[in-house]
Amino acid sequence: MLKKVNVVVFDFDGTLSASDSNYEFFKYCFKHSIRPWLFLPCVIAGLVGSRLNYRGLWWREHIRNFITPKMVKDFSADVIKLHKQNRFGWAKEVVAKERSKGNKVVLISASPDYLVPHLVSDMKFDAVFCSQMDKEKPYKYKFLCWNKNKVIALDKWALENKYIPNVVRAYSDSMSDMPIMEIAKEQVWINPKTGLRK
């Protein structure tokens, strides 16, 4: 028997937090390792590829192919600690407020699984979905949680829990989230620089 539940969906980077956790990890790697500099031609080629096919997966992996399991292990804790300082002041309170209304509160982010769950571990989401990376090759995606794949992640969670999700509200800063925003009864657009509602 399926149960209809009200769901509120949050994006993370640019919505609950300023800057982008992927970008912050990149910066940290370039500051603390020579390896990314050796892969700079690949990074540049990947960035060019992003202009040609923004929805593509190839360029996303190409710009990340300097990332090793050791870098994830050595650097992610510091990046998480630093990036938590970028969270907008209202974020935790609003998530708690949505939960207090009896809504299931879900975070769905394109950022990787070695960052996002740790960045929001204190916020008491009912579920957290993010891009799943290959642990042996952490530059490769097992599942890119972006664009329409966010809806797929939500539907899979609902099916596993025997829910019929009624998305009452969705928070995002990016037009790439239109698939999830379109199924929400209320769209809350956030300015990624200020954290204020647009």
C-alpha atoms as a PDB file:
ATOM      1  CA  MET A   1       0.000   0.000   0.000  1.00  0.00           C
ATOM      2  CA  LEU A   2       1.486   3.313  -1.103  1.00  0.00           C
ATOM      3  CA  LYS A   3       1.321   6.281   1.242  1.00  0.00           C
ATOM      4  CA  LYS A   4       1.080   9.842  -0.055  1.00  0.00           C
ATOM      5  CA  VAL A   5       3.613  12.102   1.663  1.00  0.00           C
ATOM      6  CA  ASN A   6       4.424  15.782   1.355  1.00  0.00           C
ATOM      7  CA  VAL A   7       8.037  16.310   0.363  1.00  0.00           C
ATOM      8  CA  VAL A   8      10.250  19.397   0.392  1.00  0.00           C
ATOM      9  CA  VAL A   9      13.364  19.197  -1.784  1.00  0.00           C
ATOM     10  CA  PHE A  10      16.531  21.231  -1.277  1.00  0.00           C
ATOM     11  CA  ASP A  11      19.503  21.626  -3.574  1.00  0.00           C
ATOM     12  CA  PHE A  12      22.783  22.241  -1.726  1.00  0.00           C
ATOM     13  CA  ASP A  13      25.483  24.256  -3.512  1.00  0.00           C
ATOM     14  CA  GLY A  14      24.304  27.804  -4.116  1.00  0.00           C
ATOM     15  CA  THR A  15      21.019  27.079  -2.343  1.00  0.00           C
ATOM     16  CA  LEU A  16      21.905  26.225   1.255  1.00  0.00           C
ATOM     17  CA  SER A  17      25.555  27.154   0.915  1.00  0.00           C
ATOM     18  CA  ALA A  18      27.559  29.785  -0.916  1.00  0.00           C
ATOM     19  CA  SER A  19      30.130  28.654  -3.469  1.00  0.00           C
ATOM     20  CA  ASP A  20      30.300  25.105  -4.794  1.00  0.00           C
ATOM     21  CA  SER A  21      31.711  22.172  -2.840  1.00  0.00           C
ATOM     22  CA  ASN A  22      33.107  20.573  -6.013  1.00  0.00           C
ATOM     23  CA  TYR A  23      34.914  23.806  -6.838  1.00  0.00           C
ATOM     24  CA  GLU A  24      36.208  24.124  -3.284  1.00  0.00           C
ATOM     25  CA  PHE A  25      37.607  20.591  -3.456  1.00  0.00           C
ATOM     26  CA  PHE A  26      39.282  21.461  -6.776  1.00  0.00           C
ATOM     27  CA  LYS A  27      40.878  24.576  -5.301  1.00  0.00           C
ATOM     28  CA  TYR A  28      42.110  22.662  -2.272  1.00  0.00           C
ATOM     29  CA  CYS A  29      43.661  19.978  -4.473  1.00  0.00           C
ATOM     30  CA  PHE A  30      45.498  22.563  -6.583  1.00  0.00           C
ATOM     31  CA  LYS A  31      46.810  24.266  -3.443  1.00  0.00           C
ATOM     32  CA  HIS A  32      47.991  21.092  -1.729  1.00  0.00           C
ATOM     33  CA  SER A  33      49.177  18.773  -4.486  1.00  0.00           C
ATOM     34  CA  ILE A  34      51.298  18.909  -7.631  1.00  0.00           C
ATOM     35  CA  ARG A  35      49.189  16.216  -9.282  1.00  0.00           C
ATOM     36  CA  PRO A  36      46.345  18.488 -10.500  1.00  0.00           C
ATOM     37  CA  TRP A  37      48.895  20.782 -12.169  1.00  0.00           C
ATOM     38  CA  LEU A  38      50.278  17.842 -14.126  1.00  0.00           C
ATOM     39  CA  PHE A  39      46.745  17.129 -15.358  1.00  0.00           C
ATOM     40  CA  LEU A  40      46.043  20.758 -16.275  1.00  0.00           C
ATOM     41  CA  PRO A  41      45.819  20.071 -20.045  1.00  0.00           C
ATOM     42  CA  CYS A  42      43.097  17.472 -19.321  1.00  0.00           C
ATOM     43  CA  VAL A  43      41.257  19.947 -17.106  1.00  0.00           C
ATOM     44  CA  ILE A  44      41.364  22.598 -19.828  1.00  0.00           C
ATOM     45  CA  ALA A  45      40.208  20.105 -22.482  1.00  0.00           C
ATOM     46  CA  GLY A  46      37.324  19.105 -20.207  1.00  0.00           C
ATOM     47  CA  LEU A  47      36.311  22.725 -19.708  1.00  0.00           C
ATOM     48  CA  VAL A  48      36.294  23.233 -23.476  1.00  0.00           C
ATOM     49  CA  GLY A  49      34.192  20.081 -23.783  1.00  0.00           C
ATOM     50  CA  SER A  50      31.688  21.526 -21.311  1.00  0.00           C
ATOM     51  CA  ARG A  51      31.058  24.397 -23.728  1.00  0.00           C
ATOM     52  CA  LEU A  52      30.318  21.960 -26.529  1.00  0.00           C
ATOM     53  CA  ASN A  53      28.067  19.602 -24.576  1.00  0.00           C
ATOM     54  CA  TYR A  54      27.053  20.943 -21.162  1.00  0.00           C
ATOM     55  CA  ARG A  55      24.911  17.901 -20.393  1.00  0.00           C
ATOM     56  CA  GLY A  56      27.710  15.457 -21.174  1.00  0.00           C
ATOM     57  CA  LEU A  57      29.400  13.143 -18.713  1.00  0.00           C
ATOM     58  CA  TRP A  58      32.763  12.822 -20.476  1.00  0.00           C
ATOM     59  CA  TRP A  59      34.016  16.318 -19.715  1.00  0.00           C
ATOM     60  CA  ARG A  60      32.889  16.097 -16.087  1.00  0.00           C
ATOM     61  CA  GLU A  61      35.091  13.059 -15.573  1.00  0.00           C
ATOM     62  CA  HIS A  62      37.903  14.484 -17.689  1.00  0.00           C
ATOM     63  CA  ILE A  63      38.375  17.584 -15.541  1.00  0.00           C
ATOM     64  CA  ARG A  64      38.404  15.391 -12.433  1.00  0.00           C
ATOM     65  CA  ASN A  65      40.710  12.616 -13.583  1.00  0.00           C
ATOM     66  CA  PHE A  66      43.542  13.791 -11.336  1.00  0.00           C
ATOM     67  CA  ILE A  67      41.515  12.829  -8.243  1.00  0.00           C
ATOM     68  CA  THR A  68      42.735   9.680  -6.499  1.00  0.00           C
ATOM     69  CA  PRO A  69      41.309   7.752  -3.514  1.00  0.00           C
ATOM     70  CA  LYS A  70      44.234   9.069  -1.451  1.00  0.00           C
ATOM     71  CA  MET A  71      43.373  12.679  -2.310  1.00  0.00           C
ATOM     72  CA  VAL A  72      39.773  12.075  -1.273  1.00  0.00           C
ATOM     73  CA  LYS A  73      40.948  10.526   1.988  1.00  0.00           C
ATOM     74  CA  ASP A  74      43.577  13.201   2.720  1.00  0.00           C
ATOM     75  CA  PHE A  75      41.731  16.325   1.593  1.00  0.00           C
ATOM     76  CA  SER A  76      37.977  15.843   1.982  1.00  0.00           C
ATOM     77  CA  ALA A  77      37.857  16.341   5.783  1.00  0.00           C
ATOM     78  CA  ASP A  78      39.571  19.741   5.525  1.00  0.00           C
ATOM     79  CA  VAL A  79      37.393  20.816   2.583  1.00  0.00           C
ATOM     80  CA  ILE A  80      34.260  19.808   4.511  1.00  0.00           C
ATOM     81  CA  LYS A  81      35.388  21.751   7.565  1.00  0.00           C
ATOM     82  CA  LEU A  82      36.119  24.856   5.494  1.00  0.00           C
ATOM     83  CA  HIS A  83      33.025  24.609   3.299  1.00  0.00           C
ATOM     84  CA  LYS A  84      30.665  24.305   6.271  1.00  0.00           C
ATOM     85  CA  GLN A  85      31.558  27.926   6.986  1.00  0.00           C
ATOM     86  CA  ASN A  86      29.906  28.864   3.668  1.00  0.00           C
ATOM     87  CA  ARG A  87      26.466  27.656   4.729  1.00  0.00           C
ATOM     88  CA  PHE A  88      23.836  30.376   4.699  1.00  0.00           C
ATOM     89  CA  GLY A  89      22.716  31.343   8.200  1.00  0.00           C
ATOM     90  CA  TRP A  90      19.057  30.547   7.572  1.00  0.00           C
ATOM     91  CA  ALA A  91      19.657  27.062   6.112  1.00  0.00           C
ATOM     92  CA  LYS A  92      19.480  24.836   9.181  1.00  0.00           C
ATOM     93  CA  GLU A  93      16.505  26.734  10.630  1.00  0.00           C
ATOM     94  CA  VAL A  94      14.473  26.516   7.418  1.00  0.00           C
ATOM     95  CA  VAL A  95      15.147  22.777   7.047  1.00  0.00           C
ATOM     96  CA  ALA A  96      14.013  22.263  10.657  1.00  0.00           C
ATOM     97  CA  LYS A  97      10.918  24.405  10.038  1.00  0.00           C
ATOM     98  CA  GLU A  98       9.955  22.314   7.003  1.00  0.00           C
ATOM     99  CA  ARG A  99      10.336  19.126   9.045  1.00  0.00           C
ATOM    100  CA  SER A 100       8.225  20.573  11.866  1.00  0.00           C
ATOM    101  CA  LYS A 101       5.332  20.911   9.401  1.00  0.00           C
ATOM    102  CA  GLY A 102       5.356  17.135   8.985  1.00  0.00           C
ATOM    103  CA  ASN A 103       7.007  17.214   5.553  1.00  0.00           C
ATOM    104  CA  LYS A 104       9.643  14.736   4.475  1.00  0.00           C
ATOM    105  CA  VAL A 105      12.702  16.883   3.806  1.00  0.00           C
ATOM    106  CA  VAL A 106      15.119  15.678   1.160  1.00  0.00           C
ATOM    107  CA  LEU A 107      18.417  17.056  -0.092  1.00  0.00           C
ATOM    108  CA  ILE A 108      19.378  16.270  -3.694  1.00  0.00           C
ATOM    109  CA  SER A 109      22.767  17.500  -4.893  1.00  0.00           C
ATOM    110  CA  ALA A 110      25.003  16.956  -7.900  1.00  0.00           C
ATOM    111  CA  SER A 111      28.094  17.170  -5.704  1.00  0.00           C
ATOM    112  CA  PRO A 112      29.949  13.956  -4.809  1.00  0.00           C
ATOM    113  CA  ASP A 113      29.214  11.435  -2.105  1.00  0.00           C
ATOM    114  CA  TYR A 114      32.550  12.044  -0.402  1.00  0.00           C
ATOM    115  CA  LEU A 115      31.474  15.633   0.421  1.00  0.00           C
ATOM    116  CA  VAL A 116      27.705  16.210   0.581  1.00  0.00           C
ATOM    117  CA  PRO A 117      26.517  13.785   3.312  1.00  0.00           C
ATOM    118  CA  HIS A 118      29.204  15.124   5.658  1.00  0.00           C
ATOM    119  CA  LEU A 119      28.371  18.748   4.851  1.00  0.00           C
ATOM    120  CA  VAL A 120      24.751  18.299   5.959  1.00  0.00           C
ATOM    121  CA  SER A 121      25.115  15.591   8.632  1.00  0.00           C
ATOM    122  CA  ASP A 122      23.830  17.969  11.332  1.00  0.00           C
ATOM    123  CA  MET A 123      20.725  19.101   9.420  1.00  0.00           C
ATOM    124  CA  LYS A 124      18.501  16.036   9.921  1.00  0.00           C
ATOM    125  CA  PHE A 125      17.328  15.449   6.372  1.00  0.00           C
ATOM    126  CA  ASP A 126      15.014  12.484   5.889  1.00  0.00           C
ATOM    127  CA  ALA A 127      17.149  11.514   2.897  1.00  0.00           C
ATOM    128  CA  VAL A 128      20.280  12.808   1.176  1.00  0.00           C
ATOM    129  CA  PHE A 129      21.041  12.042  -2.468  1.00  0.00           C
ATOM    130  CA  CYS A 130      24.155  13.066  -4.329  1.00  0.00           C
ATOM    131  CA  SER A 131      26.375  11.934  -7.158  1.00  0.00           C
ATOM    132  CA  GLN A 132      27.790   8.469  -6.534  1.00  0.00           C
ATOM    133  CA  MET A 133      31.459   8.192  -7.392  1.00  0.00           C
ATOM    134  CA  ASP A 134      33.589   5.117  -8.080  1.00  0.00           C
ATOM    135  CA  LYS A 135      35.626   4.604  -4.901  1.00  0.00           C
ATOM    136  CA  GLU A 136      38.614   3.201  -6.806  1.00  0.00           C
ATOM    137  CA  LYS A 137      38.437   5.939  -9.456  1.00  0.00           C
ATOM    138  CA  PRO A 138      36.754   8.868  -7.672  1.00  0.00           C
ATOM    139  CA  TYR A 139      36.743  10.993 -10.816  1.00  0.00           C
ATOM    140  CA  LYS A 140      34.283   8.554 -12.435  1.00  0.00           C
ATOM    141  CA  TYR A 141      30.538   8.705 -11.872  1.00  0.00           C
ATOM    142  CA  LYS A 142      28.431   5.698 -10.973  1.00  0.00           C
ATOM    143  CA  PHE A 143      25.419   8.031 -10.899  1.00  0.00           C
ATOM    144  CA  LEU A 144      25.385  11.731 -11.771  1.00  0.00           C
ATOM    145  CA  CYS A 145      22.697  13.261  -9.566  1.00  0.00           C
ATOM    146  CA  TRP A 146      22.021  16.248 -11.804  1.00  0.00           C
ATOM    147  CA  ASN A 147      19.149  17.664 -13.846  1.00  0.00           C
ATOM    148  CA  LYS A 148      16.462  15.008 -14.551  1.00  0.00           C
ATOM    149  CA  ASN A 149      18.460  12.437 -12.562  1.00  0.00           C
ATOM    150  CA  LYS A 150      17.400  14.304  -9.422  1.00  0.00           C
ATOM    151  CA  VAL A 151      13.809  13.328 -10.179  1.00  0.00           C
ATOM    152  CA  ILE A 152      14.941   9.743 -10.776  1.00  0.00           C
ATOM    153  CA  ALA A 153      16.696   9.707  -7.370  1.00  0.00           C
ATOM    154  CA  LEU A 154      13.579  11.058  -5.660  1.00  0.00           C
ATOM    155  CA  ASP A 155      11.290   8.540  -7.393  1.00  0.00           C
ATOM    156  CA  LYS A 156      13.579   5.636  -6.478  1.00  0.00           C
ATOM    157  CA  TRP A 157      13.591   6.665  -2.809  1.00  0.00           C
ATOM    158  CA  ALA A 158       9.799   7.044  -2.847  1.00  0.00           C
ATOM    159  CA  LEU A 159       9.330   3.608  -4.404  1.00  0.00           C
ATOM    160  CA  GLU A 160      11.668   1.962  -1.885  1.00  0.00           C
ATOM    161  CA  ASN A 161       9.701   3.544   0.976  1.00  0.00           C
ATOM    162  CA  LYS A 162       6.285   2.941  -0.622  1.00  0.00           C
ATOM    163  CA  TYR A 163       5.608   6.676  -0.849  1.00  0.00           C
ATOM    164  CA  ILE A 164       3.712   8.703  -3.391  1.00  0.00           C
ATOM    165  CA  PRO A 165       5.717  11.943  -3.240  1.00  0.00           C
ATOM    166  CA  ASN A 166       3.800  15.203  -3.330  1.00  0.00           C
ATOM    167  CA  VAL A 167       6.522  17.822  -3.761  1.00  0.00           C
ATOM    168  CA  VAL A 168       5.058  20.842  -2.027  1.00  0.00           C
ATOM    169  CA  ARG A 169       8.196  22.973  -2.297  1.00  0.00           C
ATOM    170  CA  ALA A 170      11.603  22.864  -3.933  1.00  0.00           C
ATOM    171  CA  TYR A 171      14.550  25.159  -3.229  1.00  0.00           C
ATOM    172  CA  SER A 172      17.258  25.773  -5.823  1.00  0.00           C
ATOM    173  CA  ASP A 173      19.595  28.377  -7.256  1.00  0.00           C
ATOM    174  CA  SER A 174      20.079  26.852 -10.705  1.00  0.00           C
ATOM    175  CA  MET A 175      18.048  26.415 -13.881  1.00  0.00           C
ATOM    176  CA  SER A 176      19.644  22.964 -14.209  1.00  0.00           C
ATOM    177  CA  ASP A 177      17.205  21.946 -11.454  1.00  0.00           C
ATOM    178  CA  MET A 178      14.143  22.710 -13.591  1.00  0.00           C
ATOM    179  CA  PRO A 179      13.072  19.019 -13.790  1.00  0.00           C
ATOM    180  CA  ILE A 180      12.711  18.866  -9.999  1.00  0.00           C
ATOM    181  CA  MET A 181      11.366  22.415  -9.737  1.00  0.00           C
ATOM    182  CA  GLU A 182       8.657  21.729 -12.309  1.00  0.00           C
ATOM    183  CA  ILE A 183       7.111  18.963 -10.214  1.00  0.00           C
ATOM    184  CA  ALA A 184       7.001  21.203  -7.121  1.00  0.00           C
ATOM    185  CA  LYS A 185       3.867  23.147  -6.268  1.00  0.00           C
ATOM    186  CA  GLU A 186       6.054  26.039  -5.059  1.00  0.00           C
ATOM    187  CA  GLN A 187       9.423  26.980  -6.491  1.00  0.00           C
ATOM    188  CA  VAL A 188      11.804  28.844  -4.178  1.00  0.00           C
ATOM    189  CA  TRP A 189      14.693  30.350  -6.137  1.00  0.00           C
ATOM    190  CA  ILE A 190      17.761  31.358  -4.135  1.00  0.00           C
ATOM    191  CA  ASN A 191      20.456  33.852  -5.117  1.00  0.00           C
ATOM    192  CA  PRO A 192      23.660  31.762  -4.826  1.00  0.00           C
ATOM    193  CA  LYS A 193      25.765  34.792  -3.887  1.00  0.00           C
ATOM    194  CA  THR A 194      23.576  36.261  -1.173  1.00  0.00           C
ATOM    195  CA  GLY A 195      21.461  33.316  -0.050  1.00  0.00           C
ATOM    196  CA  LEU A 196      18.385  35.511  -0.379  1.00  0.00           C
ATOM    197  CA  ARG A 197      15.217  34.497  -2.146  1.00  0.00           C
ATOM    198  CA  LYS A 198      15.125  35.818  -5.721  1.00  0.00           C
END
